[in-house]
Amino acid sequence: MTKTLIAIGVLLVLALVAASFFWVNRPRRVIVDVPVVAGFPEQGFSHEAFEELLCDYVTPAGQVDYDRWHASAHSVSQLDGYLAAVSKYSPDNTPDRFPERNDALAYWMYGYNAYVI
């Protein structure tokens, strides 16, 4: 085999590996089919439910106790309710709830972290 054929073969393998990586890690739409957390405000956007969970399950060093969190049905329900609010209201579809730029930034940062957990 010539060097050209070897180079083409290597490039094809690398392209296949890259395509596989991006396929497996593609964004997926997560549908949260639960009611919004109880007591959610009629105006604005509250991160209180998620902040309570963070206080309960994240150490000062930043470690999350996932096992204890997921063992608590109430905490799982609270996270699901918060995610329902994140899914229902956003700066895009309800801009009146996010009057300041920082409100929108907080929404995106908190929402991202909640979905990751």
C-alpha atoms as a PDB file:
ATOM      1  CA  MET A   1       0.000   0.000   0.000  1.00  0.00           C
ATOM      2  CA  THR A   2       1.107   3.490  -0.684  1.00  0.00           C
ATOM      3  CA  LYS A   3       1.396   6.250   1.856  1.00  0.00           C
ATOM      4  CA  THR A   4      -1.568   7.983   0.230  1.00  0.00           C
ATOM      5  CA  LEU A   5      -3.872   4.986   0.736  1.00  0.00           C
ATOM      6  CA  ILE A   6      -2.733   4.636   4.349  1.00  0.00           C
ATOM      7  CA  ALA A   7      -3.390   8.340   4.979  1.00  0.00           C
ATOM      8  CA  ILE A   8      -6.855   8.071   3.425  1.00  0.00           C
ATOM      9  CA  GLY A   9      -7.611   5.004   5.545  1.00  0.00           C
ATOM     10  CA  VAL A  10      -6.483   6.772   8.729  1.00  0.00           C
ATOM     11  CA  LEU A  11      -8.600   9.825   7.864  1.00  0.00           C
ATOM     12  CA  LEU A  12     -11.653   7.636   7.246  1.00  0.00           C
ATOM     13  CA  VAL A  13     -11.213   5.892  10.604  1.00  0.00           C
ATOM     14  CA  LEU A  14     -10.799   9.247  12.370  1.00  0.00           C
ATOM     15  CA  ALA A  15     -13.896  10.600  10.628  1.00  0.00           C
ATOM     16  CA  LEU A  16     -15.864   7.532  11.700  1.00  0.00           C
ATOM     17  CA  VAL A  17     -14.686   7.894  15.315  1.00  0.00           C
ATOM     18  CA  ALA A  18     -15.555  11.614  15.332  1.00  0.00           C
ATOM     19  CA  ALA A  19     -18.990  11.004  13.798  1.00  0.00           C
ATOM     20  CA  SER A  20     -19.694   8.277  16.363  1.00  0.00           C
ATOM     21  CA  PHE A  21     -18.645  10.560  19.218  1.00  0.00           C
ATOM     22  CA  PHE A  22     -20.890  13.391  18.064  1.00  0.00           C
ATOM     23  CA  TRP A  23     -23.802  11.012  17.439  1.00  0.00           C
ATOM     24  CA  VAL A  24     -23.631   9.535  20.934  1.00  0.00           C
ATOM     25  CA  ASN A  25     -23.232  12.975  22.547  1.00  0.00           C
ATOM     26  CA  ARG A  26     -25.820  14.810  20.460  1.00  0.00           C
ATOM     27  CA  PRO A  27     -28.261  17.063  22.321  1.00  0.00           C
ATOM     28  CA  ARG A  28     -31.524  15.410  23.222  1.00  0.00           C
ATOM     29  CA  ARG A  29     -34.799  17.002  24.142  1.00  0.00           C
ATOM     30  CA  VAL A  30     -35.794  16.120  27.679  1.00  0.00           C
ATOM     31  CA  ILE A  31     -39.525  16.187  28.326  1.00  0.00           C
ATOM     32  CA  VAL A  32     -40.521  16.796  31.924  1.00  0.00           C
ATOM     33  CA  ASP A  33     -44.089  15.630  32.344  1.00  0.00           C
ATOM     34  CA  VAL A  34     -44.764  16.621  35.958  1.00  0.00           C
ATOM     35  CA  PRO A  35     -46.447  19.640  37.532  1.00  0.00           C
ATOM     36  CA  VAL A  36     -44.417  22.749  38.292  1.00  0.00           C
ATOM     37  CA  VAL A  37     -43.075  22.815  41.851  1.00  0.00           C
ATOM     38  CA  ALA A  38     -45.722  23.840  44.420  1.00  0.00           C
ATOM     39  CA  GLY A  39     -45.785  27.522  45.284  1.00  0.00           C
ATOM     40  CA  PHE A  40     -44.075  28.640  42.084  1.00  0.00           C
ATOM     41  CA  PRO A  41     -44.607  32.409  41.680  1.00  0.00           C
ATOM     42  CA  GLU A  42     -47.100  33.817  39.198  1.00  0.00           C
ATOM     43  CA  GLN A  43     -44.520  36.390  38.077  1.00  0.00           C
ATOM     44  CA  GLY A  44     -40.755  36.223  37.845  1.00  0.00           C
ATOM     45  CA  PHE A  45     -38.842  32.982  38.138  1.00  0.00           C
ATOM     46  CA  SER A  46     -37.830  31.313  41.392  1.00  0.00           C
ATOM     47  CA  HIS A  47     -34.779  29.091  41.785  1.00  0.00           C
ATOM     48  CA  GLU A  48     -35.584  28.510  45.448  1.00  0.00           C
ATOM     49  CA  ALA A  49     -36.559  24.834  45.063  1.00  0.00           C
ATOM     50  CA  PHE A  50     -33.288  24.020  43.311  1.00  0.00           C
ATOM     51  CA  GLU A  51     -31.228  26.103  45.744  1.00  0.00           C
ATOM     52  CA  GLU A  52     -32.731  24.152  48.668  1.00  0.00           C
ATOM     53  CA  LEU A  53     -31.651  20.924  47.033  1.00  0.00           C
ATOM     54  CA  LEU A  54     -28.157  22.256  46.449  1.00  0.00           C
ATOM     55  CA  CYS A  55     -27.887  23.256  50.114  1.00  0.00           C
ATOM     56  CA  ASP A  56     -28.994  19.777  51.186  1.00  0.00           C
ATOM     57  CA  TYR A  57     -26.909  17.653  48.826  1.00  0.00           C
ATOM     58  CA  VAL A  58     -23.795  19.603  47.795  1.00  0.00           C
ATOM     59  CA  THR A  59     -20.820  19.793  50.134  1.00  0.00           C
ATOM     60  CA  PRO A  60     -18.778  22.990  50.614  1.00  0.00           C
ATOM     61  CA  ALA A  61     -16.108  21.329  48.446  1.00  0.00           C
ATOM     62  CA  GLY A  62     -18.627  21.055  45.588  1.00  0.00           C
ATOM     63  CA  GLN A  63     -19.257  17.305  45.806  1.00  0.00           C
ATOM     64  CA  VAL A  64     -22.833  16.170  45.113  1.00  0.00           C
ATOM     65  CA  ASP A  65     -24.239  13.267  47.142  1.00  0.00           C
ATOM     66  CA  TYR A  66     -26.180  11.768  44.239  1.00  0.00           C
ATOM     67  CA  ASP A  67     -26.987   8.507  46.040  1.00  0.00           C
ATOM     68  CA  ARG A  68     -28.629  10.246  48.997  1.00  0.00           C
ATOM     69  CA  TRP A  69     -30.368  12.722  46.655  1.00  0.00           C
ATOM     70  CA  HIS A  70     -31.836  10.030  44.418  1.00  0.00           C
ATOM     71  CA  ALA A  71     -32.845   7.924  47.443  1.00  0.00           C
ATOM     72  CA  SER A  72     -35.182  10.704  48.594  1.00  0.00           C
ATOM     73  CA  ALA A  73     -38.471  10.585  46.686  1.00  0.00           C
ATOM     74  CA  HIS A  74     -39.340  14.076  47.923  1.00  0.00           C
ATOM     75  CA  SER A  75     -36.063  15.541  46.645  1.00  0.00           C
ATOM     76  CA  VAL A  76     -36.408  13.813  43.273  1.00  0.00           C
ATOM     77  CA  SER A  77     -39.950  15.170  43.017  1.00  0.00           C
ATOM     78  CA  GLN A  78     -38.735  18.656  43.961  1.00  0.00           C
ATOM     79  CA  LEU A  79     -36.056  18.548  41.253  1.00  0.00           C
ATOM     80  CA  ASP A  80     -38.598  17.301  38.703  1.00  0.00           C
ATOM     81  CA  GLY A  81     -40.958  20.137  39.645  1.00  0.00           C
ATOM     82  CA  TYR A  82     -38.162  22.682  39.217  1.00  0.00           C
ATOM     83  CA  LEU A  83     -37.271  21.178  35.838  1.00  0.00           C
ATOM     84  CA  ALA A  84     -40.940  21.414  34.859  1.00  0.00           C
ATOM     85  CA  ALA A  85     -40.772  25.157  35.588  1.00  0.00           C
ATOM     86  CA  VAL A  86     -37.549  25.455  33.571  1.00  0.00           C
ATOM     87  CA  SER A  87     -39.284  23.639  30.709  1.00  0.00           C
ATOM     88  CA  LYS A  88     -42.476  25.704  30.903  1.00  0.00           C
ATOM     89  CA  TYR A  89     -41.020  29.206  31.352  1.00  0.00           C
ATOM     90  CA  SER A  90     -37.941  30.617  29.659  1.00  0.00           C
ATOM     91  CA  PRO A  91     -36.575  33.995  28.592  1.00  0.00           C
ATOM     92  CA  ASP A  92     -37.595  33.015  25.058  1.00  0.00           C
ATOM     93  CA  ASN A  93     -41.262  32.159  25.611  1.00  0.00           C
ATOM     94  CA  THR A  94     -42.040  34.275  28.716  1.00  0.00           C
ATOM     95  CA  PRO A  95     -39.652  37.263  28.600  1.00  0.00           C
ATOM     96  CA  ASP A  96     -41.773  39.227  31.102  1.00  0.00           C
ATOM     97  CA  ARG A  97     -40.625  36.790  33.823  1.00  0.00           C
ATOM     98  CA  PHE A  98     -36.992  37.767  33.167  1.00  0.00           C
ATOM     99  CA  PRO A  99     -36.877  41.578  33.230  1.00  0.00           C
ATOM    100  CA  GLU A 100     -33.106  41.877  33.693  1.00  0.00           C
ATOM    101  CA  ARG A 101     -30.265  40.263  31.753  1.00  0.00           C
ATOM    102  CA  ASN A 102     -29.003  38.690  34.990  1.00  0.00           C
ATOM    103  CA  ASP A 103     -32.393  37.015  35.483  1.00  0.00           C
ATOM    104  CA  ALA A 104     -32.053  35.330  32.095  1.00  0.00           C
ATOM    105  CA  LEU A 105     -28.430  34.345  32.772  1.00  0.00           C
ATOM    106  CA  ALA A 106     -29.401  32.824  36.120  1.00  0.00           C
ATOM    107  CA  TYR A 107     -32.184  30.877  34.381  1.00  0.00           C
ATOM    108  CA  TRP A 108     -29.765  29.367  31.843  1.00  0.00           C
ATOM    109  CA  MET A 109     -27.076  28.544  34.417  1.00  0.00           C
ATOM    110  CA  TYR A 110     -29.387  27.077  37.045  1.00  0.00           C
ATOM    111  CA  GLY A 111     -31.395  25.221  34.403  1.00  0.00           C
ATOM    112  CA  TYR A 112     -28.284  23.697  32.856  1.00  0.00           C
ATOM    113  CA  ASN A 113     -27.007  22.530  36.247  1.00  0.00           C
ATOM    114  CA  ALA A 114     -30.407  21.092  37.212  1.00  0.00           C
ATOM    115  CA  TYR A 115     -30.631  19.088  33.974  1.00  0.00           C
ATOM    116  CA  VAL A 116     -27.091  17.786  34.433  1.00  0.00           C
ATOM    117  CA  ILE A 117     -27.961  16.511  37.905  1.00  0.00           C
END
